[in-house]
């Protein structure tokens, strides 16, 4: 079975984002970029399924700027077999990304499509669900545990009330949550091998997808600075303070 894994190039999670002075977006100049952490988990899970003999080939896919090749090379160094980069120097909205992945899936015919539940830059949490809808395939979102059983996959998913287990007929789409696994570090020999693994460069036009934006960003601002807390000596003082603030 072939697995298609979606990865995205985002600001490294250790970096504090800065808003541009004109409020048009986040400043990406001279900022460290890396693979979206949830997508790292997706790549790791695909590799583990391959090590179990369930998956025979892992194809990493990314939609983004030419520099996203570095992100795909990371996926290849971790253990993916080949990669496809759909180049767009402008931001691509989730629906357009989903349409591109759907077109790639039509060509590749994967048994599993695995992606992170969301990207840490826009926190949209939309692509996996949109791909499932476009393909008409079952989906297991927020996966905490994955087990392939014959022609189906059992997904334990994280929900507000705890955990829910669903059984999906293959082919299916899975989005990964934080507690699914801990991604491995790529070894130096694998990093060197990744340089020679196939990486195809495509464009949205190759898949007949219009990436013209449907949404308009009016303004981007930093969250307001939180005011300092206030200490009170007892419950009565707390209630009085809450009434004074108009909370109680």
Protein backbone atom coordinates (compact mmCIF):
# COMPACT_ATOMS: atom_id res chain seq x y z
CA UNK A 1 0.00 0.00 0.00
CA UNK A 2 1.20 3.48 -0.87
CA UNK A 3 1.00 6.30 1.69
CA UNK A 4 0.77 9.96 0.71
CA UNK A 5 2.02 12.27 3.47
CA UNK A 6 1.36 16.01 3.37
CA UNK A 7 3.91 18.39 4.90
CA UNK A 8 4.07 22.16 5.19
CA UNK A 9 6.93 24.63 5.64
CA UNK A 10 6.12 26.93 8.57
CA UNK A 11 7.89 29.21 11.03
CA UNK A 12 9.82 27.07 13.49
CA UNK A 13 7.74 26.49 16.62
CA UNK A 14 10.55 27.89 18.81
CA UNK A 15 10.44 31.26 17.05
CA UNK A 16 8.18 34.06 18.26
CA UNK A 17 6.42 35.46 15.15
CA UNK A 18 6.57 39.18 14.43
CA UNK A 19 3.83 41.12 12.69
CA UNK A 20 4.82 43.39 9.80
CA UNK A 21 4.77 47.10 10.59
CA UNK A 22 1.98 47.71 8.06
CA UNK A 23 -0.19 44.94 9.56
CA UNK A 24 -0.43 42.98 6.29
CA UNK A 25 0.88 39.72 7.69
CA UNK A 26 3.62 37.93 9.61
CA UNK A 27 7.22 38.96 8.95
CA UNK A 28 9.08 35.96 7.48
CA UNK A 29 12.34 37.76 6.67
CA UNK A 30 15.38 36.02 8.18
CA UNK A 31 13.14 33.74 10.24
CA UNK A 32 13.97 30.07 10.82
CA UNK A 33 11.53 27.79 9.00
CA UNK A 34 10.92 24.09 9.54
CA UNK A 35 8.40 21.30 9.00
CA UNK A 36 5.05 21.74 10.69
CA UNK A 37 5.30 19.66 13.93
CA UNK A 38 2.00 17.83 13.30
CA UNK A 39 3.26 16.88 9.82
CA UNK A 40 6.46 15.49 11.33
CA UNK A 41 4.23 13.15 13.33
CA UNK A 42 2.43 12.19 10.10
CA UNK A 43 5.74 11.34 8.40
CA UNK A 44 6.88 9.32 11.41
CA UNK A 45 3.64 7.33 11.46
CA UNK A 46 3.94 6.51 7.76
CA UNK A 47 7.51 5.31 8.34
CA UNK A 48 6.40 3.12 11.25
CA UNK A 49 3.68 1.60 9.07
CA UNK A 50 6.31 0.88 6.43
CA UNK A 51 8.57 -0.74 9.02
CA UNK A 52 5.64 -3.00 9.95
CA UNK A 53 5.29 -4.04 6.31
CA UNK A 54 1.90 -2.36 5.91
CA UNK A 55 3.09 0.48 3.65
CA UNK A 56 5.36 -0.19 0.68
CA UNK A 57 6.05 3.39 -0.49
CA UNK A 58 5.87 6.82 1.14
CA UNK A 59 5.34 9.89 -1.02
CA UNK A 60 5.79 13.25 0.71
CA UNK A 61 3.86 16.17 -0.77
CA UNK A 62 4.09 19.89 -0.10
CA UNK A 63 2.46 22.98 -1.56
CA UNK A 64 4.54 26.11 -1.08
CA UNK A 65 7.58 28.12 -2.16
CA UNK A 66 10.65 26.63 -3.84
CA UNK A 67 12.41 26.72 -0.45
CA UNK A 68 9.94 24.04 0.72
CA UNK A 69 12.32 21.59 -1.00
CA UNK A 70 14.31 21.73 2.26
CA UNK A 71 11.24 20.60 4.19
CA UNK A 72 10.65 17.73 1.77
CA UNK A 73 14.32 16.72 1.99
CA UNK A 74 13.80 16.46 5.76
CA UNK A 75 10.87 14.10 5.15
CA UNK A 76 13.04 12.09 2.74
CA UNK A 77 15.84 11.95 5.31
CA UNK A 78 13.39 10.66 7.91
CA UNK A 79 12.39 7.81 5.60
CA UNK A 80 10.03 8.92 2.81
CA UNK A 81 10.84 7.37 -0.58
CA UNK A 82 10.14 10.30 -2.91
CA UNK A 83 8.58 13.74 -2.86
CA UNK A 84 6.41 16.10 -4.88
CA UNK A 85 6.61 19.87 -4.47
CA UNK A 86 3.83 21.99 -5.97
CA UNK A 87 5.52 25.38 -6.22
CA UNK A 88 3.65 28.56 -5.36
CA UNK A 89 5.44 31.66 -4.08
CA UNK A 90 2.12 33.11 -2.95
CA UNK A 91 0.10 31.79 -0.02
CA UNK A 92 -2.28 28.99 -1.00
CA UNK A 93 -5.57 28.72 0.89
CA UNK A 94 -6.64 25.37 2.43
CA UNK A 95 -9.30 24.63 -0.20
CA UNK A 96 -6.82 25.06 -3.05
CA UNK A 97 -4.28 22.90 -1.20
CA UNK A 98 -6.95 20.22 -0.76
CA UNK A 99 -7.79 20.33 -4.48
CA UNK A 100 -4.10 19.91 -5.36
CA UNK A 101 -3.73 16.95 -2.98
CA UNK A 102 -6.90 15.44 -4.42
CA UNK A 103 -5.43 15.70 -7.93
CA UNK A 104 -2.16 14.11 -6.77
CA UNK A 105 -4.11 11.34 -5.04
CA UNK A 106 -6.01 10.66 -8.27
CA UNK A 107 -2.63 10.08 -9.97
CA UNK A 108 -0.87 8.21 -7.17
CA UNK A 109 -3.85 6.17 -5.85
CA UNK A 110 -2.57 5.92 -2.26
CA UNK A 111 -4.22 3.60 0.25
CA UNK A 112 -3.62 6.14 3.01
CA UNK A 113 -3.31 9.91 3.03
CA UNK A 114 -1.77 11.10 6.29
CA UNK A 115 -1.38 14.74 7.30
CA UNK A 116 -1.03 16.76 10.47
CA UNK A 117 -4.32 17.84 12.01
CA UNK A 118 -3.38 21.50 11.46
CA UNK A 119 -0.51 23.82 10.60
CA UNK A 120 0.83 25.98 13.41
CA UNK A 121 0.92 29.10 11.22
CA UNK A 122 -2.76 29.46 10.32
CA UNK A 123 -4.28 26.83 12.70
CA UNK A 124 -6.97 26.21 10.07
CA UNK A 125 -7.47 22.45 10.66
CA UNK A 126 -9.21 22.14 7.28
CA UNK A 127 -7.07 20.41 4.64
CA UNK A 128 -7.49 16.80 5.82
CA UNK A 129 -11.26 17.09 6.07
CA UNK A 130 -11.51 18.88 2.71
CA UNK A 131 -9.41 16.20 0.99
CA UNK A 132 -11.68 13.48 2.43
CA UNK A 133 -14.75 15.33 1.16
CA UNK A 134 -13.30 15.93 -2.32
CA UNK A 135 -12.24 12.28 -2.66
CA UNK A 136 -15.36 10.87 -1.01
CA UNK A 137 -13.22 8.78 1.34
CA UNK A 138 -13.62 8.06 5.08
CA UNK A 139 -11.57 10.14 7.49
CA UNK A 140 -10.08 9.64 10.94
CA UNK A 141 -9.11 13.00 12.41
CA UNK A 142 -7.00 13.82 15.50
CA UNK A 143 -5.48 10.33 15.49
CA UNK A 144 -4.01 9.13 18.78
CA UNK A 145 -3.39 5.56 17.58
CA UNK A 146 -3.46 3.90 14.15
CA UNK A 147 -3.68 0.19 13.31
CA UNK A 148 -4.17 -1.22 9.81
CA UNK A 149 -6.24 -4.43 9.78
CA UNK A 150 -6.55 -5.98 6.33
CA UNK A 151 -8.56 -3.67 4.10
CA UNK A 152 -9.48 -1.30 6.92
CA UNK A 153 -7.75 0.98 9.42
CA UNK A 154 -8.68 1.45 13.07
CA UNK A 155 -8.12 4.97 14.37
CA UNK A 156 -8.31 5.99 18.00
CA UNK A 157 -9.12 9.70 17.92
CA UNK A 158 -8.86 12.41 20.52
CA UNK A 159 -12.17 14.16 21.17
CA UNK A 160 -13.38 16.63 23.79
CA UNK A 161 -14.76 13.87 26.01
CA UNK A 162 -11.73 11.55 25.80
CA UNK A 163 -11.05 9.00 23.06
CA UNK A 164 -13.21 7.60 20.27
CA UNK A 165 -12.32 4.56 18.15
CA UNK A 166 -13.45 4.36 14.51
CA UNK A 167 -12.89 1.71 11.85
CA UNK A 168 -12.47 3.02 8.31
CA UNK A 169 -12.48 1.18 5.01
CA UNK A 170 -9.33 1.79 2.94
CA UNK A 171 -8.44 4.00 1.16
CA UNK A 172 -8.82 6.62 3.89
CA UNK A 173 -7.55 9.97 5.15
CA UNK A 174 -6.00 10.38 8.61
CA UNK A 175 -4.95 13.55 10.43
CA UNK A 176 -2.47 13.16 13.27
CA UNK A 177 -2.55 14.56 16.80
CA UNK A 178 0.35 15.27 19.14
CA UNK A 179 0.23 12.07 21.19
CA UNK A 180 0.33 9.66 18.24
CA UNK A 181 4.12 9.27 18.29
CA UNK A 182 7.44 11.03 18.77
CA UNK A 183 9.17 11.80 15.44
CA UNK A 184 12.69 10.47 14.94
CA UNK A 185 15.74 12.55 14.14
CA UNK A 186 17.19 12.03 10.69
CA UNK A 187 20.65 10.42 10.84
CA UNK A 188 23.55 11.91 8.91
CA UNK A 189 23.73 8.96 6.45
CA UNK A 190 20.00 9.32 5.74
CA UNK A 191 20.38 13.08 5.26
CA UNK A 192 23.04 12.37 2.63
CA UNK A 193 20.87 9.70 0.96
CA UNK A 194 17.91 12.11 0.87
CA UNK A 195 19.82 14.37 -1.52
CA UNK A 196 19.61 11.72 -4.24
CA UNK A 197 15.99 10.68 -3.68
CA UNK A 198 13.48 11.77 -6.36
CA UNK A 199 11.83 15.16 -5.80
CA UNK A 200 9.43 16.24 -8.56
CA UNK A 201 8.62 19.92 -8.99
CA UNK A 202 5.12 20.78 -10.20
CA UNK A 203 2.84 23.80 -10.40
CA UNK A 204 -0.85 24.21 -9.50
CA UNK A 205 -1.53 24.61 -13.23
CA UNK A 206 -0.17 21.10 -13.82
CA UNK A 207 -3.12 19.84 -11.79
CA UNK A 208 -5.63 22.30 -13.18
CA UNK A 209 -6.17 24.03 -9.83
CA UNK A 210 -6.93 27.74 -9.55
CA UNK A 211 -5.15 29.10 -6.46
CA UNK A 212 -6.62 32.61 -6.69
CA UNK A 213 -7.47 33.68 -3.12
CA UNK A 214 -11.09 33.56 -2.00
CA UNK A 215 -10.38 35.29 1.30
CA UNK A 216 -9.00 38.75 2.02
CA UNK A 217 -6.87 39.53 5.07
CA UNK A 218 -7.95 42.90 6.42
CA UNK A 219 -5.32 43.27 9.13
CA UNK A 220 -2.95 41.23 11.26
CA UNK A 221 -2.24 42.37 14.82
CA UNK A 222 -0.43 40.94 17.81
CA UNK A 223 -2.61 39.78 20.71
CA UNK A 224 -3.14 42.43 23.41
CA UNK A 225 -0.67 42.41 26.28
CA UNK A 226 -2.19 40.74 29.34
CA UNK A 227 -2.42 42.93 32.41
CA UNK A 228 -0.77 41.79 35.63
CA UNK A 229 -2.79 39.75 38.09
CA UNK A 230 -4.01 41.07 41.43
CA UNK A 231 -3.54 39.29 44.75
CA UNK A 232 -6.35 39.40 47.30
CA UNK A 233 -6.20 38.28 50.94
CA UNK A 234 -9.43 36.28 51.12
CA UNK A 235 -12.64 35.20 49.34
CA UNK A 236 -14.60 38.27 50.43
CA UNK A 237 -11.98 40.54 48.92
CA UNK A 238 -12.04 38.43 45.74
CA UNK A 239 -15.82 38.77 45.40
CA UNK A 240 -15.63 42.51 46.05
CA UNK A 241 -12.91 42.90 43.42
CA UNK A 242 -14.87 40.90 40.85
CA UNK A 243 -17.94 43.08 41.46
CA UNK A 244 -15.80 46.19 41.09
CA UNK A 245 -14.52 44.88 37.75
CA UNK A 246 -18.05 44.06 36.63
CA UNK A 247 -17.33 40.33 36.35
CA UNK A 248 -19.55 39.13 39.19
